[in-house]
Amino acid sequence: TVTYSDIDMNHHVNNTRYLDFACDALALHDN
């Protein structure tokens, strides 16, 4: 769920954050 730390000055999710969403969901640290 998108919150303050995801939003950039264009008022939408910063393009770099999608990579973090994916890496978190894939649990790269566990794998």
PDB file of all heavy atoms in Angstrom:
ATOM      1  N   THR A   1       0.845  -1.182   0.000  1.00  0.00           N
ATOM      2  CA  THR A   1       0.000   0.000   0.000  1.00  0.00           C
ATOM      3  C   THR A   1       0.887   1.241   0.000  1.00  0.00           C
ATOM      4  O   THR A   1       1.781   1.372   0.844  1.00  0.00           O
ATOM      5  CB  THR A   1      -0.934   0.013   1.214  1.00  0.00           C
ATOM      6  OG1 THR A   1      -1.785  -1.133   1.151  1.00  0.00           O
ATOM      7  CG2 THR A   1      -1.801   1.271   1.211  1.00  0.00           C
ATOM      8  N   VAL A   2       0.652   2.116  -0.947  1.00  0.00           N
ATOM      9  CA  VAL A   2       1.529   3.267  -1.187  1.00  0.00           C
ATOM     10  C   VAL A   2       1.349   4.309  -0.086  1.00  0.00           C
ATOM     11  O   VAL A   2       0.227   4.718   0.236  1.00  0.00           O
ATOM     12  CB  VAL A   2       1.230   3.876  -2.571  1.00  0.00           C
ATOM     13  CG1 VAL A   2       2.027   5.150  -2.785  1.00  0.00           C
ATOM     14  CG2 VAL A   2       1.533   2.848  -3.657  1.00  0.00           C
ATOM     15  N   THR A   3       2.486   4.745   0.476  1.00  0.00           N
ATOM     16  CA  THR A   3       2.485   5.740   1.539  1.00  0.00           C
ATOM     17  C   THR A   3       3.483   6.859   1.209  1.00  0.00           C
ATOM     18  O   THR A   3       4.078   6.889   0.128  1.00  0.00           O
ATOM     19  CB  THR A   3       2.848   5.097   2.883  1.00  0.00           C
ATOM     20  OG1 THR A   3       4.146   4.489   2.784  1.00  0.00           O
ATOM     21  CG2 THR A   3       1.842   4.022   3.271  1.00  0.00           C
ATOM     22  N   TYR A   4       3.681   7.729   2.176  1.00  0.00           N
ATOM     23  CA  TYR A   4       4.517   8.929   2.018  1.00  0.00           C
ATOM     24  C   TYR A   4       5.879   8.646   1.392  1.00  0.00           C
ATOM     25  O   TYR A   4       6.303   9.344   0.459  1.00  0.00           O
ATOM     26  CB  TYR A   4       4.699   9.585   3.391  1.00  0.00           C
ATOM     27  CG  TYR A   4       5.818  10.585   3.464  1.00  0.00           C
ATOM     28  CD1 TYR A   4       5.631  11.908   3.051  1.00  0.00           C
ATOM     29  CD2 TYR A   4       7.073  10.215   3.945  1.00  0.00           C
ATOM     30  CE1 TYR A   4       6.666  12.829   3.121  1.00  0.00           C
ATOM     31  CE2 TYR A   4       8.110  11.125   4.018  1.00  0.00           C
ATOM     32  CZ  TYR A   4       7.907  12.427   3.600  1.00  0.00           C
ATOM     33  OH  TYR A   4       8.930  13.329   3.673  1.00  0.00           O
ATOM     34  N   SER A   5       6.590   7.634   1.888  1.00  0.00           N
ATOM     35  CA  SER A   5       7.967   7.400   1.443  1.00  0.00           C
ATOM     36  C   SER A   5       8.060   6.900   0.006  1.00  0.00           C
ATOM     37  O   SER A   5       9.156   6.867  -0.566  1.00  0.00           O
ATOM     38  CB  SER A   5       8.669   6.409   2.372  1.00  0.00           C
ATOM     39  OG  SER A   5       8.015   5.157   2.372  1.00  0.00           O
ATOM     40  N   ASP A   6       6.931   6.516  -0.590  1.00  0.00           N
ATOM     41  CA  ASP A   6       6.935   6.024  -1.969  1.00  0.00           C
ATOM     42  C   ASP A   6       6.734   7.137  -3.001  1.00  0.00           C
ATOM     43  O   ASP A   6       7.011   6.940  -4.182  1.00  0.00           O
ATOM     44  CB  ASP A   6       5.809   5.002  -2.174  1.00  0.00           C
ATOM     45  CG  ASP A   6       5.919   3.813  -1.251  1.00  0.00           C
ATOM     46  OD1 ASP A   6       7.029   3.277  -1.105  1.00  0.00           O
ATOM     47  OD2 ASP A   6       4.886   3.420  -0.664  1.00  0.00           O
ATOM     48  N   ILE A   7       6.213   8.293  -2.563  1.00  0.00           N
ATOM     49  CA  ILE A   7       5.746   9.323  -3.485  1.00  0.00           C
ATOM     50  C   ILE A   7       6.837  10.341  -3.759  1.00  0.00           C
ATOM     51  O   ILE A   7       7.542  10.781  -2.847  1.00  0.00           O
ATOM     52  CB  ILE A   7       4.509  10.045  -2.893  1.00  0.00           C
ATOM     53  CG1 ILE A   7       3.396   9.031  -2.625  1.00  0.00           C
ATOM     54  CG2 ILE A   7       4.000  11.127  -3.838  1.00  0.00           C
ATOM     55  CD1 ILE A   7       2.902   8.303  -3.836  1.00  0.00           C
ATOM     56  N   ASP A   8       6.972  10.743  -5.029  1.00  0.00           N
ATOM     57  CA  ASP A   8       7.980  11.744  -5.383  1.00  0.00           C
ATOM     58  C   ASP A   8       7.312  13.075  -5.724  1.00  0.00           C
ATOM     59  O   ASP A   8       6.111  13.255  -5.542  1.00  0.00           O
ATOM     60  CB  ASP A   8       8.884  11.248  -6.514  1.00  0.00           C
ATOM     61  CG  ASP A   8       8.145  11.015  -7.834  1.00  0.00           C
ATOM     62  OD1 ASP A   8       7.029  11.533  -8.000  1.00  0.00           O
ATOM     63  OD2 ASP A   8       8.704  10.326  -8.706  1.00  0.00           O
ATOM     64  N   MET A   9       8.096  14.002  -6.248  1.00  0.00           N
ATOM     65  CA  MET A   9       7.601  15.354  -6.481  1.00  0.00           C
ATOM     66  C   MET A   9       6.583  15.432  -7.613  1.00  0.00           C
ATOM     67  O   MET A   9       5.919  16.458  -7.779  1.00  0.00           O
ATOM     68  CB  MET A   9       8.771  16.303  -6.761  1.00  0.00           C
ATOM     69  CG  MET A   9       9.587  15.962  -7.991  1.00  0.00           C
ATOM     70  SD  MET A   9      11.121  16.922  -8.086  1.00  0.00           S
ATOM     71  CE  MET A   9      10.481  18.578  -8.302  1.00  0.00           C
ATOM     72  N   ASN A  10       6.443  14.359  -8.370  1.00  0.00           N
ATOM     73  CA  ASN A  10       5.395  14.318  -9.391  1.00  0.00           C
ATOM     74  C   ASN A  10       4.083  13.759  -8.846  1.00  0.00           C
ATOM     75  O   ASN A  10       3.151  13.510  -9.600  1.00  0.00           O
ATOM     76  CB  ASN A  10       5.858  13.490 -10.595  1.00  0.00           C
ATOM     77  CG  ASN A  10       6.989  14.163 -11.347  1.00  0.00           C
ATOM     78  OD1 ASN A  10       7.005  15.381 -11.484  1.00  0.00           O
ATOM     79  ND2 ASN A  10       7.946  13.383 -11.822  1.00  0.00           N
ATOM     80  N   HIS A  11       4.048  13.499  -7.526  1.00  0.00           N
ATOM     81  CA  HIS A  11       2.835  13.085  -6.823  1.00  0.00           C
ATOM     82  C   HIS A  11       2.391  11.662  -7.155  1.00  0.00           C
ATOM     83  O   HIS A  11       1.218  11.319  -6.988  1.00  0.00           O
ATOM     84  CB  HIS A  11       1.678  14.075  -7.076  1.00  0.00           C
ATOM     85  CG  HIS A  11       2.017  15.487  -6.710  1.00  0.00           C
ATOM     86  ND1 HIS A  11       2.056  15.946  -5.412  1.00  0.00           N
ATOM     87  CD2 HIS A  11       2.363  16.543  -7.488  1.00  0.00           C
ATOM     88  CE1 HIS A  11       2.401  17.216  -5.391  1.00  0.00           C
ATOM     89  NE2 HIS A  11       2.606  17.612  -6.644  1.00  0.00           N
ATOM     90  N   HIS A  12       3.316  10.828  -7.629  1.00  0.00           N
ATOM     91  CA  HIS A  12       3.021   9.416  -7.786  1.00  0.00           C
ATOM     92  C   HIS A  12       4.226   8.609  -7.322  1.00  0.00           C
ATOM     93  O   HIS A  12       5.251   9.183  -6.944  1.00  0.00           O
ATOM     94  CB  HIS A  12       2.630   9.071  -9.235  1.00  0.00           C
ATOM     95  CG  HIS A  12       3.668   9.439 -10.245  1.00  0.00           C
ATOM     96  ND1 HIS A  12       3.415  10.282 -11.307  1.00  0.00           N
ATOM     97  CD2 HIS A  12       4.970   9.087 -10.382  1.00  0.00           C
ATOM     98  CE1 HIS A  12       4.504  10.420 -12.039  1.00  0.00           C
ATOM     99  NE2 HIS A  12       5.455   9.701 -11.496  1.00  0.00           N
ATOM    100  N   VAL A  13       4.103   7.284  -7.326  1.00  0.00           N
ATOM    101  CA  VAL A  13       5.192   6.435  -6.851  1.00  0.00           C
ATOM    102  C   VAL A  13       6.450   6.689  -7.678  1.00  0.00           C
ATOM    103  O   VAL A  13       6.412   6.674  -8.915  1.00  0.00           O
ATOM    104  CB  VAL A  13       4.791   4.945  -6.916  1.00  0.00           C
ATOM    105  CG1 VAL A  13       5.987   4.048  -6.591  1.00  0.00           C
ATOM    106  CG2 VAL A  13       3.652   4.654  -5.953  1.00  0.00           C
ATOM    107  N   ASN A  14       7.559   6.919  -6.978  1.00  0.00           N
ATOM    108  CA  ASN A  14       8.830   7.092  -7.669  1.00  0.00           C
ATOM    109  C   ASN A  14       9.196   5.809  -8.397  1.00  0.00           C
ATOM    110  O   ASN A  14       9.009   4.699  -7.874  1.00  0.00           O
ATOM    111  CB  ASN A  14       9.926   7.463  -6.669  1.00  0.00           C
ATOM    112  CG  ASN A  14      11.253   7.719  -7.346  1.00  0.00           C
ATOM    113  OD1 ASN A  14      12.055   6.809  -7.500  1.00  0.00           O
ATOM    114  ND2 ASN A  14      11.479   8.949  -7.757  1.00  0.00           N
ATOM    115  N   ASN A  15       9.733   5.950  -9.611  1.00  0.00           N
ATOM    116  CA  ASN A  15       9.955   4.773 -10.451  1.00  0.00           C
ATOM    117  C   ASN A  15      10.921   3.764  -9.840  1.00  0.00           C
ATOM    118  O   ASN A  15      10.859   2.580 -10.157  1.00  0.00           O
ATOM    119  CB  ASN A  15      10.427   5.197 -11.846  1.00  0.00           C
ATOM    120  CG  ASN A  15      11.712   5.967 -11.803  1.00  0.00           C
ATOM    121  OD1 ASN A  15      12.771   5.408 -11.612  1.00  0.00           O
ATOM    122  ND2 ASN A  15      11.630   7.286 -11.966  1.00  0.00           N
ATOM    123  N   THR A  16      11.828   4.197  -8.949  1.00  0.00           N
ATOM    124  CA  THR A  16      12.763   3.254  -8.339  1.00  0.00           C
ATOM    125  C   THR A  16      12.083   2.357  -7.309  1.00  0.00           C
ATOM    126  O   THR A  16      12.560   1.260  -7.024  1.00  0.00           O
ATOM    127  CB  THR A  16      13.923   3.985  -7.662  1.00  0.00           C
ATOM    128  OG1 THR A  16      13.428   4.764  -6.570  1.00  0.00           O
ATOM    129  CG2 THR A  16      14.636   4.902  -8.638  1.00  0.00           C
ATOM    130  N   ARG A  17      10.968   2.802  -6.751  1.00  0.00           N
ATOM    131  CA  ARG A  17      10.342   2.065  -5.657  1.00  0.00           C
ATOM    132  C   ARG A  17       9.726   0.745  -6.125  1.00  0.00           C
ATOM    133  O   ARG A  17       9.619  -0.205  -5.344  1.00  0.00           O
ATOM    134  CB  ARG A  17       9.267   2.923  -4.990  1.00  0.00           C
ATOM    135  CG  ARG A  17       9.810   4.127  -4.258  1.00  0.00           C
ATOM    136  CD  ARG A  17      10.576   3.728  -2.996  1.00  0.00           C
ATOM    137  NE  ARG A  17       9.669   3.182  -2.003  1.00  0.00           N
ATOM    138  CZ  ARG A  17       9.913   2.080  -1.303  1.00  0.00           C
ATOM    139  NH1 ARG A  17      11.025   1.379  -1.522  1.00  0.00           N
ATOM    140  NH2 ARG A  17       9.047   1.659  -0.401  1.00  0.00           N
ATOM    141  N   TYR A  18       9.350   0.670  -7.402  1.00  0.00           N
ATOM    142  CA  TYR A  18       8.762  -0.570  -7.882  1.00  0.00           C
ATOM    143  C   TYR A  18       9.746  -1.730  -7.770  1.00  0.00           C
ATOM    144  O   TYR A  18       9.354  -2.874  -7.518  1.00  0.00           O
ATOM    145  CB  TYR A  18       8.303  -0.411  -9.337  1.00  0.00           C
ATOM    146  CG  TYR A  18       7.237   0.640  -9.531  1.00  0.00           C
ATOM    147  CD1 TYR A  18       7.495   1.806 -10.229  1.00  0.00           C
ATOM    148  CD2 TYR A  18       5.963   0.472  -8.998  1.00  0.00           C
ATOM    149  CE1 TYR A  18       6.525   2.780 -10.409  1.00  0.00           C
ATOM    150  CE2 TYR A  18       4.977   1.429  -9.171  1.00  0.00           C
ATOM    151  CZ  TYR A  18       5.267   2.588  -9.875  1.00  0.00           C
ATOM    152  OH  TYR A  18       4.296   3.543 -10.040  1.00  0.00           O
ATOM    153  N   LEU A  19      11.026  -1.453  -7.966  1.00  0.00           N
ATOM    154  CA  LEU A  19      12.042  -2.493  -7.800  1.00  0.00           C
ATOM    155  C   LEU A  19      12.087  -2.978  -6.359  1.00  0.00           C
ATOM    156  O   LEU A  19      12.235  -4.175  -6.096  1.00  0.00           O
ATOM    157  CB  LEU A  19      13.409  -1.961  -8.223  1.00  0.00           C
ATOM    158  CG  LEU A  19      13.639  -1.846  -9.720  1.00  0.00           C
ATOM    159  CD1 LEU A  19      14.826  -0.925 -10.004  1.00  0.00           C
ATOM    160  CD2 LEU A  19      13.888  -3.217 -10.338  1.00  0.00           C
ATOM    161  N   ASP A  20      11.983  -2.050  -5.410  1.00  0.00           N
ATOM    162  CA  ASP A  20      11.953  -2.454  -4.002  1.00  0.00           C
ATOM    163  C   ASP A  20      10.716  -3.290  -3.697  1.00  0.00           C
ATOM    164  O   ASP A  20      10.797  -4.288  -2.967  1.00  0.00           O
ATOM    165  CB  ASP A  20      11.982  -1.220  -3.100  1.00  0.00           C
ATOM    166  CG  ASP A  20      13.331  -0.519  -3.095  1.00  0.00           C
ATOM    167  OD1 ASP A  20      14.357  -1.211  -3.270  1.00  0.00           O
ATOM    168  OD2 ASP A  20      13.359   0.705  -2.919  1.00  0.00           O
ATOM    169  N   PHE A  21       9.554  -2.888  -4.249  1.00  0.00           N
ATOM    170  CA  PHE A  21       8.343  -3.684  -4.030  1.00  0.00           C
ATOM    171  C   PHE A  21       8.588  -5.129  -4.481  1.00  0.00           C
ATOM    172  O   PHE A  21       8.226  -6.087  -3.778  1.00  0.00           O
ATOM    173  CB  PHE A  21       7.154  -3.123  -4.831  1.00  0.00           C
ATOM    174  CG  PHE A  21       6.730  -1.723  -4.493  1.00  0.00           C
ATOM    175  CD1 PHE A  21       5.835  -1.047  -5.307  1.00  0.00           C
ATOM    176  CD2 PHE A  21       7.218  -1.069  -3.371  1.00  0.00           C
ATOM    177  CE1 PHE A  21       5.419   0.237  -5.014  1.00  0.00           C
ATOM    178  CE2 PHE A  21       6.811   0.230  -3.065  1.00  0.00           C
ATOM    179  CZ  PHE A  21       5.910   0.878  -3.892  1.00  0.00           C
ATOM    180  N   ALA A  22       9.177  -5.276  -5.668  1.00  0.00           N
ATOM    181  CA  ALA A  22       9.377  -6.614  -6.234  1.00  0.00           C
ATOM    182  C   ALA A  22      10.399  -7.411  -5.430  1.00  0.00           C
ATOM    183  O   ALA A  22      10.179  -8.591  -5.129  1.00  0.00           O
ATOM    184  CB  ALA A  22       9.821  -6.496  -7.689  1.00  0.00           C
ATOM    185  N   CYS A  23      11.519  -6.791  -5.088  1.00  0.00           N
ATOM    186  CA  CYS A  23      12.554  -7.510  -4.341  1.00  0.00           C
ATOM    187  C   CYS A  23      12.062  -7.914  -2.954  1.00  0.00           C
ATOM    188  O   CYS A  23      12.386  -9.005  -2.458  1.00  0.00           O
ATOM    189  CB  CYS A  23      13.809  -6.650  -4.234  1.00  0.00           C
ATOM    190  SG  CYS A  23      14.665  -6.405  -5.808  1.00  0.00           S
ATOM    191  N   ASP A  24      11.266  -7.045  -2.316  1.00  0.00           N
ATOM    192  CA  ASP A  24      10.679  -7.406  -1.024  1.00  0.00           C
ATOM    193  C   ASP A  24       9.753  -8.601  -1.173  1.00  0.00           C
ATOM    194  O   ASP A  24       9.800  -9.550  -0.371  1.00  0.00           O
ATOM    195  CB  ASP A  24       9.892  -6.222  -0.455  1.00  0.00           C
ATOM    196  CG  ASP A  24      10.789  -5.088   0.021  1.00  0.00           C
ATOM    197  OD1 ASP A  24      12.006  -5.300   0.158  1.00  0.00           O
ATOM    198  OD2 ASP A  24      10.252  -3.988   0.257  1.00  0.00           O
ATOM    199  N   ALA A  25       8.899  -8.570  -2.183  1.00  0.00           N
ATOM    200  CA  ALA A  25       7.918  -9.638  -2.359  1.00  0.00           C
ATOM    201  C   ALA A  25       8.595 -10.968  -2.695  1.00  0.00           C
ATOM    202  O   ALA A  25       8.106 -12.036  -2.304  1.00  0.00           O
ATOM    203  CB  ALA A  25       6.919  -9.266  -3.448  1.00  0.00           C
ATOM    204  N   LEU A  26       9.725 -10.915  -3.400  1.00  0.00           N
ATOM    205  CA  LEU A  26      10.454 -12.139  -3.753  1.00  0.00           C
ATOM    206  C   LEU A  26      11.301 -12.660  -2.594  1.00  0.00           C
ATOM    207  O   LEU A  26      11.868 -13.749  -2.693  1.00  0.00           O
ATOM    208  CB  LEU A  26      11.357 -11.889  -4.960  1.00  0.00           C
ATOM    209  CG  LEU A  26      10.653 -11.736  -6.304  1.00  0.00           C
ATOM    210  CD1 LEU A  26      11.633 -11.248  -7.367  1.00  0.00           C
ATOM    211  CD2 LEU A  26      10.007 -13.045  -6.742  1.00  0.00           C
ATOM    212  N   ALA A  27      11.392 -11.867  -1.513  1.00  0.00           N
ATOM    213  CA  ALA A  27      12.160 -12.271  -0.323  1.00  0.00           C
ATOM    214  C   ALA A  27      13.581 -12.686  -0.691  1.00  0.00           C
ATOM    215  O   ALA A  27      14.050 -13.772  -0.336  1.00  0.00           O
ATOM    216  CB  ALA A  27      11.437 -13.390   0.425  1.00  0.00           C
ATOM    217  N   LEU A  28      14.275 -11.824  -1.417  1.00  0.00           N
ATOM    218  CA  LEU A  28      15.625 -12.159  -1.870  1.00  0.00           C
ATOM    219  C   LEU A  28      16.562 -12.445  -0.702  1.00  0.00           C
ATOM    220  O   LEU A  28      17.496 -13.245  -0.818  1.00  0.00           O
ATOM    221  CB  LEU A  28      16.190 -11.017  -2.724  1.00  0.00           C
ATOM    222  CG  LEU A  28      15.444 -10.697  -4.026  1.00  0.00           C
ATOM    223  CD1 LEU A  28      16.235  -9.694  -4.845  1.00  0.00           C
ATOM    224  CD2 LEU A  28      15.172 -11.954  -4.839  1.00  0.00           C
ATOM    225  N   HIS A  29      16.313 -11.808   0.452  1.00  0.00           N
ATOM    226  CA  HIS A  29      17.179 -12.051   1.609  1.00  0.00           C
ATOM    227  C   HIS A  29      17.023 -13.476   2.129  1.00  0.00           C
ATOM    228  O   HIS A  29      17.991 -14.085   2.588  1.00  0.00           O
ATOM    229  CB  HIS A  29      16.869 -11.048   2.716  1.00  0.00           C
ATOM    230  CG  HIS A  29      15.441 -11.028   3.146  1.00  0.00           C
ATOM    231  ND1 HIS A  29      14.442 -10.548   2.326  1.00  0.00           N
ATOM    232  CD2 HIS A  29      14.830 -11.450   4.281  1.00  0.00           C
ATOM    233  CE1 HIS A  29      13.278 -10.658   2.954  1.00  0.00           C
ATOM    234  NE2 HIS A  29      13.482 -11.205   4.125  1.00  0.00           N
ATOM    235  N   ASP A  30      15.811 -14.030   2.049  1.00  0.00           N
ATOM    236  CA  ASP A  30      15.600 -15.416   2.483  1.00  0.00           C
ATOM    237  C   ASP A  30      16.146 -16.407   1.468  1.00  0.00           C
ATOM    238  O   ASP A  30      16.664 -17.471   1.829  1.00  0.00           O
ATOM    239  CB  ASP A  30      14.108 -15.682   2.692  1.00  0.00           C
ATOM    240  CG  ASP A  30      13.547 -14.942   3.898  1.00  0.00           C
ATOM    241  OD1 ASP A  30      14.330 -14.622   4.812  1.00  0.00           O
ATOM    242  OD2 ASP A  30      12.336 -14.672   3.915  1.00  0.00           O
ATOM    243  N   ASN A  31      16.021 -16.069   0.193  1.00  0.00           N
ATOM    244  CA  ASN A  31      16.441 -16.986  -0.871  1.00  0.00           C
ATOM    245  C   ASN A  31      17.911 -16.833  -1.249  1.00  0.00           C
ATOM    246  O   ASN A  31      18.398 -17.553  -2.123  1.00  0.00           O
ATOM    247  CB  ASN A  31      15.577 -16.752  -2.112  1.00  0.00           C
ATOM    248  CG  ASN A  31      14.122 -17.068  -1.860  1.00  0.00           C
ATOM    249  OD1 ASN A  31      13.802 -17.977  -1.094  1.00  0.00           O
ATOM    250  ND2 ASN A  31      13.221 -16.305  -2.475  1.00  0.00           N
TER     251      ASN A  31
END
